[in-house]
Amino acid sequence: MARRLTGILKDGSGGDCVAARIEDYARRYGGAAQDSLDERKTDYRNFENTYYDLVTDFFEYGWGQSFHFAPRAANESFAASLARHEHYVAHRLGLAPGMTAVDLGCGVGGPLIEIARFSGARIVGVNNNALQLERAARRCDEVGLGHLADWIECDFMRVDAPDASFDAAYSIEATCCAPDKKGVYGEAFRLLRPGGQMAVYEYCLTDRFDGADPGHRRLKAEMEHGGGLPDIARPHEVDAAVRDAGFELVEARDLAAEAPPGIPWYQPLTGSGLSFASVRSSDAGRRVTHGSLWLLERLRLVPRGTTRVSALLNLAAGALAEAGRLGIFTPMYFVLARKPG
C-alpha cells in the first residue's frame, strides 16, 4: 500500500506545493470562513482548482477513475455499480454512434471513457483542472478510445465551444461545484442543439434535512468544506434553476431514495459491501491510509502536507456517510431536461 500511495502522489504535485496549497485552502475556506459562501462562489475557479490539485491522487487511490457514488445491488461489484450508473445517463440521453455529447466536469475521465465505450457516441470532456484533464486524455488513448473523445480545458460556466454544437449534455456529480446553478445549466442550454437533452446527477439536501438542527448543519458544513463545494442545494432549487435556464424539465427524482434493496451509495465509506476498493475507502481503510501517510511524510517519501489533505478528505467521507445514513443528503438527484425546438 505504501508503495502505491507513494507512486500516485509523486505523479502529482511535489515538494512544498502540497503544504502551501492545503495551508491556503484551510486559511481561506476553513475555520471561521467555513460557513461563508462569498469567497467560495466569487473565487470558485481557484477554490475548485486548489481542491482538486490536492485531492485527485487520493480519489484515484480510494475510488478509482470514476469520482461518483452509486447504489449497488446484492452481489454486484463496486466497479459494475459505477458503470451501471454511468450507462443509465447514456441510455436516458439516447446516446448512439454519430452523436456528440459534452461532459461538464469530466474529472479524470472515468465516466466519459465508459459512456463512450457503451454508447459509441463522441464525447467532449470539459474540465478546468489541467492535472485531471491530462490524465483523462492519456487514459482514453491507452484504452483505444481516443477517436471518440475530445477535451476542452476551460470553466464549465463558460465553455469554449459554439452555440448549439452538441446533441446532448451531462454532468455526473460535478455541477455541485458550480457557484450558480442557473448559470451552469444555462451554459448547457447554450451548447445544446434545439431538442437536445441534458442529464445531471446533482448533490442535494433532502426533505429530511432540518436547518434548525445543529447536527444537520454541521454535516452540511463538513461535506462542503471537505468536499470542495460552494453550497449544497435543495431539490426545488435545482428544479427552478433548470427551468429558469430555459429547459423543459422532463424528469427529476432522487434515485438514492428509489434504489432497490442492496448496498446503499454511502456504504463503501463505512466498510460494508466489501471489495478492495471499499476497504480502502472505508473508515478503517482511511485510518490505515492516514497513519501510513503520517509515516511516509516524516520519511519524506510523500510531499509535506499530504497528511493534512488526508484529514480533509476523512472529514468529508465521515460527513457524507452519516448524512447518507440519516437520509438528509443525496448525491444522485437525477434531472433530465430538454431544450425546446
Protein backbone atom coordinates (compact mmCIF):
# COMPACT_ATOMS: atom_id res chain seq x y z
CA MET A 1 0.00 0.00 0.00
CA ALA A 2 2.75 2.45 0.95
CA ARG A 3 4.50 1.88 -2.38
CA ARG A 4 1.30 2.52 -4.37
CA LEU A 5 0.46 5.65 -2.42
CA THR A 6 3.97 6.99 -2.88
CA GLY A 7 3.83 6.36 -6.63
CA ILE A 8 0.45 8.05 -7.04
CA LEU A 9 1.41 11.11 -5.04
CA LYS A 10 4.71 11.51 -6.88
CA ASP A 11 2.71 11.67 -10.12
CA GLY A 12 1.03 14.84 -8.81
CA SER A 13 2.37 17.92 -7.10
CA GLY A 14 5.56 17.52 -5.10
CA GLY A 15 7.91 19.42 -2.83
CA ASP A 16 6.30 22.03 -0.66
CA CYS A 17 3.48 22.66 -3.17
CA VAL A 18 1.03 20.41 -1.30
CA ALA A 19 1.81 22.02 2.04
CA ALA A 20 1.37 25.53 0.63
CA ARG A 21 -1.90 24.67 -1.10
CA ILE A 22 -3.51 22.93 1.87
CA GLU A 23 -2.46 25.81 4.11
CA ASP A 24 -4.03 28.29 1.68
CA TYR A 25 -7.21 26.19 1.42
CA ALA A 26 -7.54 25.94 5.20
CA ARG A 27 -6.87 29.65 5.69
CA ARG A 28 -9.27 30.87 3.01
CA TYR A 29 -12.09 28.36 3.27
CA GLY A 30 -11.82 26.66 6.68
CA GLY A 31 -12.23 27.74 10.29
CA ALA A 32 -14.37 30.84 10.67
CA ALA A 33 -14.64 31.08 6.85
CA GLN A 34 -16.11 27.59 6.55
CA ASP A 35 -19.71 28.82 6.73
CA SER A 36 -19.14 31.81 4.44
CA LEU A 37 -20.22 31.33 0.83
CA ASP A 38 -18.87 34.59 -0.56
CA GLU A 39 -15.31 33.64 -1.49
CA ARG A 40 -16.21 30.04 -2.35
CA LYS A 41 -18.54 31.45 -5.02
CA THR A 42 -16.78 34.61 -6.20
CA ASP A 43 -13.39 32.85 -6.43
CA TYR A 44 -14.77 29.43 -7.29
CA ARG A 45 -12.25 28.66 -10.07
CA ASN A 46 -9.31 28.99 -7.69
CA PHE A 47 -11.32 27.26 -4.96
CA GLU A 48 -12.05 24.21 -7.10
CA ASN A 49 -8.63 24.06 -8.76
CA THR A 50 -6.86 24.21 -5.41
CA TYR A 51 -9.12 21.48 -4.04
CA TYR A 52 -8.73 19.08 -6.96
CA ASP A 53 -4.98 19.62 -7.26
CA LEU A 54 -4.84 18.44 -3.65
CA VAL A 55 -7.26 15.52 -3.66
CA THR A 56 -7.11 13.88 -7.11
CA ASP A 57 -4.40 11.38 -6.13
CA PHE A 58 -6.39 10.35 -3.06
CA PHE A 59 -9.61 9.95 -5.04
CA GLU A 60 -7.88 7.70 -7.55
CA TYR A 61 -6.32 5.60 -4.80
CA GLY A 62 -9.52 5.15 -2.81
CA TRP A 63 -12.16 5.19 -5.54
CA GLY A 64 -10.68 4.69 -9.00
CA GLN A 65 -11.23 6.92 -12.03
CA SER A 66 -14.98 7.49 -11.60
CA PHE A 67 -15.38 10.08 -8.86
CA HIS A 68 -19.02 9.47 -8.00
CA PHE A 69 -21.35 7.30 -5.94
CA ALA A 70 -23.84 4.63 -6.97
CA PRO A 71 -26.25 2.28 -5.20
CA ARG A 72 -25.17 -1.33 -5.51
CA ALA A 73 -27.23 -4.46 -5.98
CA ALA A 74 -26.52 -7.53 -3.88
CA ASN A 75 -23.52 -9.43 -5.31
CA GLU A 76 -22.75 -6.57 -7.73
CA SER A 77 -19.15 -5.40 -7.79
CA PHE A 78 -18.20 -1.84 -6.89
CA ALA A 79 -16.89 -1.19 -10.43
CA ALA A 80 -20.02 -2.65 -12.03
CA SER A 81 -22.28 -0.39 -9.95
CA LEU A 82 -20.38 2.71 -11.08
CA ALA A 83 -20.54 1.62 -14.73
CA ARG A 84 -24.26 0.90 -14.49
CA HIS A 85 -24.84 4.38 -13.03
CA GLU A 86 -22.96 5.86 -15.99
CA HIS A 87 -24.78 3.69 -18.54
CA TYR A 88 -28.09 4.98 -17.18
CA VAL A 89 -27.13 8.52 -18.22
CA ALA A 90 -26.19 7.37 -21.72
CA HIS A 91 -29.40 5.36 -22.00
CA ARG A 92 -31.67 8.21 -20.89
CA LEU A 93 -29.98 10.61 -23.30
CA GLY A 94 -30.27 8.08 -26.12
CA LEU A 95 -26.56 8.39 -26.94
CA ALA A 96 -25.52 6.48 -30.05
CA PRO A 97 -22.84 6.48 -32.76
CA GLY A 98 -22.90 9.69 -34.76
CA MET A 99 -23.98 11.83 -31.79
CA THR A 100 -21.78 14.28 -29.89
CA ALA A 101 -22.23 14.97 -26.18
CA VAL A 102 -20.45 17.23 -23.72
CA ASP A 103 -19.35 16.01 -20.28
CA LEU A 104 -19.37 19.06 -17.99
CA GLY A 105 -16.75 18.47 -15.29
CA CYS A 106 -15.27 15.26 -16.67
CA GLY A 107 -12.74 14.67 -13.85
CA VAL A 108 -10.03 12.18 -14.78
CA GLY A 109 -12.27 10.71 -17.48
CA GLY A 110 -13.61 7.51 -15.94
CA PRO A 111 -17.31 8.12 -16.76
CA LEU A 112 -16.50 9.67 -20.14
CA ILE A 113 -14.49 6.62 -21.20
CA GLU A 114 -17.21 4.24 -20.05
CA ILE A 115 -20.02 6.20 -21.70
CA ALA A 116 -18.09 6.48 -24.97
CA ARG A 117 -17.40 2.73 -24.93
CA PHE A 118 -21.02 1.89 -24.04
CA SER A 119 -22.75 4.24 -26.49
CA GLY A 120 -20.32 4.76 -29.35
CA ALA A 121 -21.06 8.49 -29.21
CA ARG A 122 -18.30 11.10 -29.39
CA ILE A 123 -17.83 12.81 -26.02
CA VAL A 124 -16.13 16.14 -25.35
CA GLY A 125 -14.81 16.41 -21.80
CA VAL A 126 -14.76 19.85 -20.17
CA ASN A 127 -12.53 20.41 -17.15
CA ASN A 128 -10.88 23.46 -15.62
CA ASN A 129 -8.23 21.36 -13.86
CA ALA A 130 -5.15 20.71 -16.02
CA LEU A 131 -3.88 17.82 -13.87
CA GLN A 132 -7.13 15.89 -14.22
CA LEU A 133 -7.55 16.66 -17.91
CA GLU A 134 -4.05 15.42 -18.78
CA ARG A 135 -4.73 12.12 -17.01
CA ALA A 136 -8.13 11.77 -18.67
CA ALA A 137 -6.72 12.25 -22.18
CA ARG A 138 -3.82 9.87 -21.55
CA ARG A 139 -6.06 7.09 -20.22
CA CYS A 140 -8.57 7.46 -23.02
CA ASP A 141 -5.78 6.96 -25.55
CA GLU A 142 -4.43 3.99 -23.57
CA VAL A 143 -7.74 2.13 -23.81
CA GLY A 144 -8.07 2.84 -27.53
CA LEU A 145 -10.97 5.30 -27.36
CA GLY A 146 -9.14 8.48 -28.31
CA HIS A 147 -11.13 8.65 -31.57
CA LEU A 148 -14.33 9.08 -29.53
CA ALA A 149 -13.08 11.81 -27.21
CA ASP A 150 -12.03 15.42 -27.30
CA TRP A 151 -11.05 17.69 -24.44
CA ILE A 152 -11.52 21.36 -23.57
CA GLU A 153 -9.62 22.94 -20.68
CA CYS A 154 -11.95 25.70 -19.53
CA ASP A 155 -14.51 26.76 -16.95
CA PHE A 156 -17.75 24.83 -17.40
CA MET A 157 -19.61 28.07 -16.70
CA ARG A 158 -18.08 29.48 -19.92
CA VAL A 159 -17.28 26.64 -22.30
CA ASP A 160 -15.07 27.41 -25.26
CA ALA A 161 -17.45 25.95 -27.86
CA PRO A 162 -20.03 27.45 -30.26
CA ASP A 163 -23.74 27.69 -29.56
CA ALA A 164 -25.83 24.64 -30.44
CA SER A 165 -22.81 22.41 -31.04
CA PHE A 166 -23.88 19.30 -29.05
CA ASP A 167 -26.68 16.74 -29.28
CA ALA A 168 -26.63 16.06 -25.54
CA ALA A 169 -25.03 17.24 -22.30
CA TYR A 170 -24.45 15.52 -19.00
CA SER A 171 -22.73 16.03 -15.67
CA ILE A 172 -22.11 13.40 -13.01
CA GLU A 173 -21.75 14.92 -9.54
CA ALA A 174 -19.88 17.93 -10.95
CA THR A 175 -22.39 20.76 -11.22
CA CYS A 176 -22.47 20.70 -7.40
CA CYS A 177 -19.20 22.65 -7.75
CA ALA A 178 -20.83 25.46 -9.74
CA PRO A 179 -21.25 28.81 -7.97
CA ASP A 180 -24.60 29.33 -9.70
CA LYS A 181 -26.93 26.51 -10.74
CA LYS A 182 -28.86 28.59 -13.27
CA GLY A 183 -25.54 29.68 -14.76
CA VAL A 184 -24.15 26.20 -15.34
CA TYR A 185 -27.45 24.83 -16.63
CA GLY A 186 -27.77 27.90 -18.84
CA GLU A 187 -24.38 27.14 -20.36
CA ALA A 188 -25.53 23.58 -21.11
CA PHE A 189 -28.66 25.08 -22.71
CA ARG A 190 -26.50 27.31 -24.93
CA LEU A 191 -24.35 24.40 -26.04
CA LEU A 192 -27.26 22.13 -26.97
CA ARG A 193 -28.96 21.98 -30.33
CA PRO A 194 -32.75 22.52 -30.26
CA GLY A 195 -34.38 19.35 -28.95
CA GLY A 196 -31.16 18.26 -27.21
CA GLN A 197 -31.29 16.88 -23.69
CA MET A 198 -29.27 17.35 -20.50
CA ALA A 199 -28.90 14.71 -17.77
CA VAL A 200 -27.42 15.55 -14.37
CA TYR A 201 -26.68 13.74 -11.13
CA GLU A 202 -26.85 16.58 -8.61
CA TYR A 203 -25.90 16.81 -4.92
CA CYS A 204 -28.98 17.78 -2.89
CA LEU A 205 -30.19 18.07 0.67
CA THR A 206 -33.38 16.06 1.07
CA ASP A 207 -36.63 16.98 2.80
CA ARG A 208 -35.26 15.30 5.94
CA PHE A 209 -32.61 17.98 6.30
CA ASP A 210 -33.52 20.33 9.16
CA GLY A 211 -31.74 23.66 9.00
CA ALA A 212 -32.55 24.24 12.67
CA ASP A 213 -30.74 21.05 13.73
CA PRO A 214 -27.11 21.84 14.73
CA GLY A 215 -26.05 18.31 13.82
CA HIS A 216 -27.51 18.61 10.34
CA ARG A 217 -25.87 22.00 9.82
CA ARG A 218 -22.51 20.59 10.96
CA LEU A 219 -22.72 17.71 8.49
CA LYS A 220 -23.60 20.10 5.67
CA ALA A 221 -20.63 22.34 6.52
CA GLU A 222 -18.26 19.37 6.72
CA MET A 223 -19.45 17.95 3.38
CA GLU A 224 -18.91 21.34 1.78
CA HIS A 225 -15.53 22.09 3.33
CA GLY A 226 -14.13 18.56 2.97
CA GLY A 227 -15.71 18.10 -0.46
CA GLY A 228 -14.74 21.41 -2.06
CA LEU A 229 -18.34 22.55 -2.51
CA PRO A 230 -19.61 26.14 -2.50
CA ASP A 231 -23.11 25.15 -1.30
CA ILE A 232 -25.45 22.15 -1.38
CA ALA A 233 -28.83 22.90 -2.92
CA ARG A 234 -32.31 21.55 -2.26
CA PRO A 235 -34.29 19.75 -4.99
CA HIS A 236 -36.74 22.60 -5.57
CA GLU A 237 -33.81 24.98 -6.10
CA VAL A 238 -32.34 22.65 -8.72
CA ASP A 239 -35.70 22.27 -10.48
CA ALA A 240 -36.21 26.04 -10.54
CA ALA A 241 -32.70 26.66 -11.89
CA VAL A 242 -33.24 24.15 -14.71
CA ARG A 243 -36.48 25.86 -15.75
CA ASP A 244 -35.01 29.35 -15.36
CA ALA A 245 -32.18 28.33 -17.72
CA GLY A 246 -34.82 27.70 -20.41
CA PHE A 247 -35.20 23.92 -20.23
CA GLU A 248 -38.33 21.83 -20.15
CA LEU A 249 -37.97 19.69 -17.02
CA VAL A 250 -38.69 16.15 -18.23
CA GLU A 251 -37.90 14.31 -15.01
CA ALA A 252 -36.48 15.00 -11.56
CA ARG A 253 -36.17 12.37 -8.84
CA ASP A 254 -33.89 11.07 -6.11
CA LEU A 255 -32.51 7.78 -7.39
CA ALA A 256 -30.98 7.02 -4.00
CA ALA A 257 -34.43 7.03 -2.37
CA GLU A 258 -35.75 4.73 -5.10
CA ALA A 259 -32.86 2.25 -5.07
CA PRO A 260 -33.93 -1.39 -4.57
CA PRO A 261 -32.67 -3.35 -1.54
CA GLY A 262 -28.93 -3.80 -1.72
CA ILE A 263 -25.89 -1.75 -0.74
CA PRO A 264 -26.63 1.99 -0.32
CA TRP A 265 -24.41 4.52 -2.08
CA TYR A 266 -22.68 5.55 1.16
CA GLN A 267 -21.78 2.04 2.36
CA PRO A 268 -18.31 1.94 0.76
CA LEU A 269 -17.44 4.84 3.08
CA THR A 270 -18.35 2.72 6.12
CA GLY A 271 -16.77 -0.56 5.01
CA SER A 272 -19.88 -2.64 4.27
CA GLY A 273 -20.29 -4.46 0.97
CA LEU A 274 -16.58 -5.21 1.00
CA SER A 275 -14.39 -5.07 -2.06
CA PHE A 276 -10.78 -3.99 -2.48
CA ALA A 277 -12.00 -0.51 -3.33
CA SER A 278 -14.40 -0.26 -0.40
CA VAL A 279 -11.75 -1.49 2.04
CA ARG A 280 -9.55 1.44 1.02
CA SER A 281 -12.43 3.94 1.18
CA SER A 282 -13.94 2.61 4.44
CA ASP A 283 -13.41 4.28 7.80
CA ALA A 284 -10.92 1.59 8.84
CA GLY A 285 -9.12 1.78 5.49
CA ARG A 286 -8.91 5.56 5.69
CA ARG A 287 -7.40 5.31 9.19
CA VAL A 288 -4.74 2.91 7.94
CA THR A 289 -4.04 5.15 4.96
CA HIS A 290 -3.83 8.23 7.16
CA GLY A 291 -1.38 6.51 9.52
CA SER A 292 0.73 5.30 6.61
CA LEU A 293 0.84 8.79 5.15
CA TRP A 294 1.90 10.23 8.51
CA LEU A 295 4.90 7.90 8.47
CA LEU A 296 5.65 8.41 4.76
CA GLU A 297 5.53 12.17 5.17
CA ARG A 298 8.03 12.05 8.01
CA LEU A 299 10.28 9.83 5.94
CA ARG A 300 9.93 12.42 3.14
CA LEU A 301 8.54 9.80 0.75
CA VAL A 302 5.39 11.85 0.08
CA PRO A 303 5.10 15.66 -0.07
CA ARG A 304 4.82 17.69 3.11
CA GLY A 305 1.16 18.48 3.82
CA THR A 306 -0.12 15.15 2.50
CA THR A 307 -1.45 14.08 5.91
CA ARG A 308 -3.50 17.28 6.17
CA VAL A 309 -5.10 16.55 2.80
CA SER A 310 -5.94 13.06 4.04
CA ALA A 311 -7.58 14.56 7.13
CA LEU A 312 -9.66 16.91 4.96
CA LEU A 313 -10.98 14.02 2.90
CA ASN A 314 -11.66 11.94 6.00
CA LEU A 315 -13.79 14.82 7.28
CA ALA A 316 -15.84 14.78 4.06
CA ALA A 317 -16.14 10.99 3.98
CA GLY A 318 -17.39 10.77 7.55
CA ALA A 319 -19.94 13.53 6.98
CA LEU A 320 -21.16 12.02 3.71
CA ALA A 321 -21.61 8.60 5.28
CA GLU A 322 -23.53 10.00 8.25
CA ALA A 323 -25.68 12.29 6.09
CA GLY A 324 -26.45 9.32 3.84
CA ARG A 325 -27.37 7.13 6.80
CA LEU A 326 -29.68 9.83 8.15
CA GLY A 327 -31.21 10.34 4.71
CA ILE A 328 -30.62 14.11 4.77
CA PHE A 329 -28.44 14.16 1.64
CA THR A 330 -28.38 12.51 -1.78
CA PRO A 331 -25.59 12.59 -4.40
CA MET A 332 -27.92 11.38 -7.14
CA TYR A 333 -30.82 13.74 -7.58
CA PHE A 334 -31.37 12.89 -11.22
CA VAL A 335 -32.52 15.58 -13.64
CA LEU A 336 -33.44 15.05 -17.29
CA ALA A 337 -34.24 18.23 -19.19
CA ARG A 338 -34.90 19.13 -22.83
CA LYS A 339 -34.10 22.25 -24.83
CA PRO A 340 -37.25 23.22 -26.74
CA GLY A 341 -37.12 23.10 -30.51
